[in-house]
Amino acid sequence: MNPEHLQMVSRFVMTHGVLGVFVARFIPGLRFLAGPVAGAAGLPALPFVVANTLGALLYVPYAVGIGYAVGAGLGSYLERVRHVVGEVEYIMPAMLIVLGGVLIGWRLWRARHLSGRA
Protein backbone atom coordinates (compact mmCIF):
# COMPACT_ATOMS: atom_id res chain seq x y z
CA MET A 1 0.00 0.00 0.00
CA ASN A 2 1.40 3.35 -0.99
CA PRO A 3 0.09 6.93 -0.69
CA GLU A 4 -0.85 7.10 -4.39
CA HIS A 5 -3.03 4.00 -4.06
CA LEU A 6 -4.71 5.39 -0.96
CA GLN A 7 -5.42 8.69 -2.74
CA MET A 8 -6.90 6.83 -5.70
CA VAL A 9 -9.22 4.86 -3.41
CA SER A 10 -10.17 8.04 -1.55
CA ARG A 11 -11.03 9.86 -4.78
CA PHE A 12 -13.06 6.88 -5.99
CA VAL A 13 -15.13 6.60 -2.81
CA MET A 14 -15.54 10.37 -2.37
CA THR A 15 -16.57 10.84 -6.00
CA HIS A 16 -19.04 7.97 -6.16
CA GLY A 17 -20.21 7.88 -2.53
CA VAL A 18 -22.56 4.99 -1.77
CA LEU A 19 -22.23 3.57 -5.28
CA GLY A 20 -18.45 3.64 -4.83
CA VAL A 21 -18.70 1.57 -1.65
CA PHE A 22 -20.95 -0.93 -3.46
CA VAL A 23 -18.68 -1.21 -6.51
CA ALA A 24 -15.54 -1.38 -4.35
CA ARG A 25 -16.68 -4.83 -3.18
CA PHE A 26 -15.92 -6.17 -6.65
CA ILE A 27 -12.49 -4.54 -7.12
CA PRO A 28 -9.43 -6.08 -5.47
CA GLY A 29 -7.52 -3.49 -3.50
CA LEU A 30 -10.56 -1.28 -3.04
CA ARG A 31 -12.56 -3.89 -1.14
CA PHE A 32 -10.78 -3.59 2.18
CA LEU A 33 -10.11 0.16 1.99
CA ALA A 34 -13.59 1.34 1.03
CA GLY A 35 -14.94 1.19 4.59
CA PRO A 36 -12.25 3.21 6.34
CA VAL A 37 -12.08 5.70 3.48
CA ALA A 38 -15.88 6.11 3.44
CA GLY A 39 -15.80 6.81 7.17
CA ALA A 40 -12.98 9.32 6.79
CA ALA A 41 -14.86 10.97 3.92
CA GLY A 42 -17.90 11.44 6.15
CA LEU A 43 -20.27 9.02 4.42
CA PRO A 44 -23.25 8.51 6.75
CA ALA A 45 -23.35 5.15 8.53
CA LEU A 46 -26.72 3.89 7.29
CA PRO A 47 -26.05 4.38 3.56
CA PHE A 48 -22.60 2.83 4.03
CA VAL A 49 -24.03 -0.24 5.80
CA VAL A 50 -26.70 -0.69 3.12
CA ALA A 51 -24.21 -0.35 0.23
CA ASN A 52 -21.63 -2.57 1.91
CA THR A 53 -24.20 -5.25 2.76
CA LEU A 54 -25.71 -5.27 -0.73
CA GLY A 55 -22.23 -5.45 -2.23
CA ALA A 56 -21.35 -8.39 0.01
CA LEU A 57 -24.64 -10.15 -0.75
CA LEU A 58 -23.83 -10.01 -4.45
CA TYR A 59 -20.05 -10.45 -4.31
CA VAL A 60 -19.89 -13.58 -2.16
CA PRO A 61 -22.17 -15.75 -4.36
CA TYR A 62 -20.44 -14.33 -7.42
CA ALA A 63 -16.96 -15.30 -6.14
CA VAL A 64 -18.12 -18.69 -4.87
CA GLY A 65 -19.94 -19.32 -8.15
CA ILE A 66 -16.81 -18.63 -10.15
CA GLY A 67 -14.83 -20.97 -7.90
CA TYR A 68 -17.48 -23.67 -8.26
CA ALA A 69 -17.59 -23.26 -12.05
CA VAL A 70 -13.80 -23.48 -12.33
CA GLY A 71 -13.80 -26.53 -10.08
CA ALA A 72 -16.55 -28.19 -12.08
CA GLY A 73 -14.79 -27.47 -15.35
CA LEU A 74 -11.40 -28.65 -14.11
CA GLY A 75 -12.68 -31.40 -11.82
CA SER A 76 -11.88 -34.35 -14.07
CA TYR A 77 -8.45 -32.94 -14.86
CA LEU A 78 -7.69 -32.38 -11.19
CA GLU A 79 -8.70 -35.93 -10.36
CA ARG A 80 -6.21 -37.25 -12.94
CA VAL A 81 -3.32 -35.18 -11.58
CA ARG A 82 -4.21 -35.63 -7.91
CA HIS A 83 -1.54 -38.27 -7.41
CA VAL A 84 1.10 -35.87 -8.80
CA VAL A 85 -0.05 -33.13 -6.44
CA GLY A 86 0.17 -35.58 -3.55
CA GLU A 87 3.79 -36.33 -4.42
CA VAL A 88 4.63 -32.64 -4.77
CA GLU A 89 3.18 -32.04 -1.32
CA TYR A 90 6.04 -34.05 0.17
CA ILE A 91 8.76 -32.92 -2.23
CA MET A 92 8.16 -29.15 -1.96
CA PRO A 93 9.21 -28.73 1.71
CA ALA A 94 12.45 -30.57 1.02
CA MET A 95 13.11 -28.41 -2.04
CA LEU A 96 12.39 -25.24 -0.04
CA ILE A 97 14.77 -26.32 2.73
CA VAL A 98 17.54 -27.03 0.22
CA LEU A 99 16.92 -23.75 -1.59
CA GLY A 100 16.94 -21.85 1.70
CA GLY A 101 20.24 -23.48 2.66
CA VAL A 102 21.77 -22.61 -0.69
CA LEU A 103 20.62 -18.98 -0.43
CA ILE A 104 21.91 -18.62 3.12
CA GLY A 105 25.24 -20.18 2.13
CA TRP A 106 25.54 -17.89 -0.88
CA ARG A 107 24.75 -14.80 1.23
CA LEU A 108 27.33 -15.82 3.84
CA TRP A 109 29.95 -16.49 1.17
CA ARG A 110 29.17 -13.17 -0.52
CA ALA A 111 29.34 -11.24 2.78
CA ARG A 112 32.75 -12.76 3.58
CA HIS A 113 33.98 -12.19 0.04
CA LEU A 114 32.88 -8.52 0.04
CA SER A 115 34.21 -7.85 3.54
CA GLY A 116 37.64 -9.07 2.41
CA ARG A 117 37.76 -6.38 -0.28
CA ALA A 118 36.82 -3.52 2.03
C-alpha atoms as a PDB file:
ATOM      1  CA  MET A   1       0.000   0.000   0.000  1.00  0.00           C
ATOM      2  CA  ASN A   2       1.402   3.352  -0.994  1.00  0.00           C
ATOM      3  CA  PRO A   3       0.094   6.933  -0.695  1.00  0.00           C
ATOM      4  CA  GLU A   4      -0.855   7.099  -4.390  1.00  0.00           C
ATOM      5  CA  HIS A   5      -3.033   3.997  -4.063  1.00  0.00           C
ATOM      6  CA  LEU A   6      -4.713   5.391  -0.958  1.00  0.00           C
ATOM      7  CA  GLN A   7      -5.416   8.686  -2.743  1.00  0.00           C
ATOM      8  CA  MET A   8      -6.898   6.827  -5.700  1.00  0.00           C
ATOM      9  CA  VAL A   9      -9.223   4.859  -3.413  1.00  0.00           C
ATOM     10  CA  SER A  10     -10.175   8.036  -1.549  1.00  0.00           C
ATOM     11  CA  ARG A  11     -11.031   9.861  -4.776  1.00  0.00           C
ATOM     12  CA  PHE A  12     -13.058   6.881  -5.993  1.00  0.00           C
ATOM     13  CA  VAL A  13     -15.131   6.595  -2.806  1.00  0.00           C
ATOM     14  CA  MET A  14     -15.545  10.371  -2.370  1.00  0.00           C
ATOM     15  CA  THR A  15     -16.569  10.840  -6.003  1.00  0.00           C
ATOM     16  CA  HIS A  16     -19.045   7.970  -6.161  1.00  0.00           C
ATOM     17  CA  GLY A  17     -20.205   7.876  -2.534  1.00  0.00           C
ATOM     18  CA  VAL A  18     -22.559   4.989  -1.771  1.00  0.00           C
ATOM     19  CA  LEU A  19     -22.229   3.573  -5.278  1.00  0.00           C
ATOM     20  CA  GLY A  20     -18.447   3.638  -4.834  1.00  0.00           C
ATOM     21  CA  VAL A  21     -18.705   1.570  -1.650  1.00  0.00           C
ATOM     22  CA  PHE A  22     -20.946  -0.930  -3.455  1.00  0.00           C
ATOM     23  CA  VAL A  23     -18.677  -1.208  -6.515  1.00  0.00           C
ATOM     24  CA  ALA A  24     -15.539  -1.384  -4.349  1.00  0.00           C
ATOM     25  CA  ARG A  25     -16.679  -4.830  -3.182  1.00  0.00           C
ATOM     26  CA  PHE A  26     -15.917  -6.172  -6.653  1.00  0.00           C
ATOM     27  CA  ILE A  27     -12.488  -4.544  -7.122  1.00  0.00           C
ATOM     28  CA  PRO A  28      -9.427  -6.084  -5.468  1.00  0.00           C
ATOM     29  CA  GLY A  29      -7.520  -3.490  -3.495  1.00  0.00           C
ATOM     30  CA  LEU A  30     -10.565  -1.284  -3.037  1.00  0.00           C
ATOM     31  CA  ARG A  31     -12.558  -3.894  -1.141  1.00  0.00           C
ATOM     32  CA  PHE A  32     -10.776  -3.587   2.181  1.00  0.00           C
ATOM     33  CA  LEU A  33     -10.110   0.159   1.994  1.00  0.00           C
ATOM     34  CA  ALA A  34     -13.591   1.339   1.027  1.00  0.00           C
ATOM     35  CA  GLY A  35     -14.943   1.188   4.586  1.00  0.00           C
ATOM     36  CA  PRO A  36     -12.251   3.214   6.343  1.00  0.00           C
ATOM     37  CA  VAL A  37     -12.082   5.701   3.478  1.00  0.00           C
ATOM     38  CA  ALA A  38     -15.879   6.107   3.443  1.00  0.00           C
ATOM     39  CA  GLY A  39     -15.798   6.812   7.168  1.00  0.00           C
ATOM     40  CA  ALA A  40     -12.979   9.317   6.795  1.00  0.00           C
ATOM     41  CA  ALA A  41     -14.862  10.970   3.916  1.00  0.00           C
ATOM     42  CA  GLY A  42     -17.899  11.442   6.154  1.00  0.00           C
ATOM     43  CA  LEU A  43     -20.273   9.024   4.415  1.00  0.00           C
ATOM     44  CA  PRO A  44     -23.252   8.509   6.747  1.00  0.00           C
ATOM     45  CA  ALA A  45     -23.346   5.148   8.533  1.00  0.00           C
ATOM     46  CA  LEU A  46     -26.718   3.895   7.292  1.00  0.00           C
ATOM     47  CA  PRO A  47     -26.050   4.377   3.555  1.00  0.00           C
ATOM     48  CA  PHE A  48     -22.599   2.828   4.031  1.00  0.00           C
ATOM     49  CA  VAL A  49     -24.029  -0.243   5.804  1.00  0.00           C
ATOM     50  CA  VAL A  50     -26.697  -0.694   3.119  1.00  0.00           C
ATOM     51  CA  ALA A  51     -24.214  -0.345   0.231  1.00  0.00           C
ATOM     52  CA  ASN A  52     -21.628  -2.567   1.910  1.00  0.00           C
ATOM     53  CA  THR A  53     -24.197  -5.247   2.763  1.00  0.00           C
ATOM     54  CA  LEU A  54     -25.713  -5.272  -0.728  1.00  0.00           C
ATOM     55  CA  GLY A  55     -22.234  -5.454  -2.229  1.00  0.00           C
ATOM     56  CA  ALA A  56     -21.348  -8.391   0.009  1.00  0.00           C
ATOM     57  CA  LEU A  57     -24.644 -10.153  -0.745  1.00  0.00           C
ATOM     58  CA  LEU A  58     -23.830 -10.014  -4.453  1.00  0.00           C
ATOM     59  CA  TYR A  59     -20.054 -10.449  -4.309  1.00  0.00           C
ATOM     60  CA  VAL A  60     -19.888 -13.581  -2.164  1.00  0.00           C
ATOM     61  CA  PRO A  61     -22.167 -15.754  -4.357  1.00  0.00           C
ATOM     62  CA  TYR A  62     -20.435 -14.327  -7.424  1.00  0.00           C
ATOM     63  CA  ALA A  63     -16.962 -15.297  -6.135  1.00  0.00           C
ATOM     64  CA  VAL A  64     -18.116 -18.691  -4.872  1.00  0.00           C
ATOM     65  CA  GLY A  65     -19.938 -19.323  -8.148  1.00  0.00           C
ATOM     66  CA  ILE A  66     -16.815 -18.631 -10.152  1.00  0.00           C
ATOM     67  CA  GLY A  67     -14.830 -20.967  -7.900  1.00  0.00           C
ATOM     68  CA  TYR A  68     -17.477 -23.667  -8.260  1.00  0.00           C
ATOM     69  CA  ALA A  69     -17.585 -23.257 -12.051  1.00  0.00           C
ATOM     70  CA  VAL A  70     -13.802 -23.480 -12.328  1.00  0.00           C
ATOM     71  CA  GLY A  71     -13.796 -26.534 -10.076  1.00  0.00           C
ATOM     72  CA  ALA A  72     -16.552 -28.189 -12.079  1.00  0.00           C
ATOM     73  CA  GLY A  73     -14.789 -27.465 -15.347  1.00  0.00           C
ATOM     74  CA  LEU A  74     -11.398 -28.655 -14.112  1.00  0.00           C
ATOM     75  CA  GLY A  75     -12.676 -31.399 -11.815  1.00  0.00           C
ATOM     76  CA  SER A  76     -11.884 -34.349 -14.065  1.00  0.00           C
ATOM     77  CA  TYR A  77      -8.448 -32.944 -14.864  1.00  0.00           C
ATOM     78  CA  LEU A  78      -7.687 -32.376 -11.190  1.00  0.00           C
ATOM     79  CA  GLU A  79      -8.704 -35.931 -10.362  1.00  0.00           C
ATOM     80  CA  ARG A  80      -6.207 -37.248 -12.937  1.00  0.00           C
ATOM     81  CA  VAL A  81      -3.317 -35.179 -11.576  1.00  0.00           C
ATOM     82  CA  ARG A  82      -4.214 -35.627  -7.908  1.00  0.00           C
ATOM     83  CA  HIS A  83      -1.536 -38.266  -7.411  1.00  0.00           C
ATOM     84  CA  VAL A  84       1.104 -35.874  -8.798  1.00  0.00           C
ATOM     85  CA  VAL A  85      -0.053 -33.126  -6.438  1.00  0.00           C
ATOM     86  CA  GLY A  86       0.167 -35.578  -3.552  1.00  0.00           C
ATOM     87  CA  GLU A  87       3.790 -36.327  -4.422  1.00  0.00           C
ATOM     88  CA  VAL A  88       4.628 -32.636  -4.771  1.00  0.00           C
ATOM     89  CA  GLU A  89       3.181 -32.041  -1.324  1.00  0.00           C
ATOM     90  CA  TYR A  90       6.043 -34.052   0.167  1.00  0.00           C
ATOM     91  CA  ILE A  91       8.762 -32.920  -2.226  1.00  0.00           C
ATOM     92  CA  MET A  92       8.164 -29.146  -1.959  1.00  0.00           C
ATOM     93  CA  PRO A  93       9.206 -28.726   1.711  1.00  0.00           C
ATOM     94  CA  ALA A  94      12.447 -30.573   1.023  1.00  0.00           C
ATOM     95  CA  MET A  95      13.110 -28.408  -2.037  1.00  0.00           C
ATOM     96  CA  LEU A  96      12.393 -25.242  -0.041  1.00  0.00           C
ATOM     97  CA  ILE A  97      14.766 -26.317   2.734  1.00  0.00           C
ATOM     98  CA  VAL A  98      17.537 -27.034   0.221  1.00  0.00           C
ATOM     99  CA  LEU A  99      16.916 -23.753  -1.593  1.00  0.00           C
ATOM    100  CA  GLY A 100      16.945 -21.854   1.705  1.00  0.00           C
ATOM    101  CA  GLY A 101      20.244 -23.477   2.663  1.00  0.00           C
ATOM    102  CA  VAL A 102      21.775 -22.608  -0.693  1.00  0.00           C
ATOM    103  CA  LEU A 103      20.616 -18.984  -0.431  1.00  0.00           C
ATOM    104  CA  ILE A 104      21.911 -18.617   3.122  1.00  0.00           C
ATOM    105  CA  GLY A 105      25.238 -20.184   2.133  1.00  0.00           C
ATOM    106  CA  TRP A 106      25.543 -17.894  -0.881  1.00  0.00           C
ATOM    107  CA  ARG A 107      24.754 -14.802   1.228  1.00  0.00           C
ATOM    108  CA  LEU A 108      27.330 -15.818   3.844  1.00  0.00           C
ATOM    109  CA  TRP A 109      29.951 -16.485   1.167  1.00  0.00           C
ATOM    110  CA  ARG A 110      29.172 -13.166  -0.516  1.00  0.00           C
ATOM    111  CA  ALA A 111      29.342 -11.240   2.778  1.00  0.00           C
ATOM    112  CA  ARG A 112      32.753 -12.756   3.581  1.00  0.00           C
ATOM    113  CA  HIS A 113      33.980 -12.187   0.041  1.00  0.00           C
ATOM    114  CA  LEU A 114      32.881  -8.515   0.039  1.00  0.00           C
ATOM    115  CA  SER A 115      34.215  -7.846   3.543  1.00  0.00           C
ATOM    116  CA  GLY A 116      37.639  -9.073   2.413  1.00  0.00           C
ATOM    117  CA  ARG A 117      37.763  -6.380  -0.284  1.00  0.00           C
ATOM    118  CA  ALA A 118      36.824  -3.518   2.032  1.00  0.00           C
END
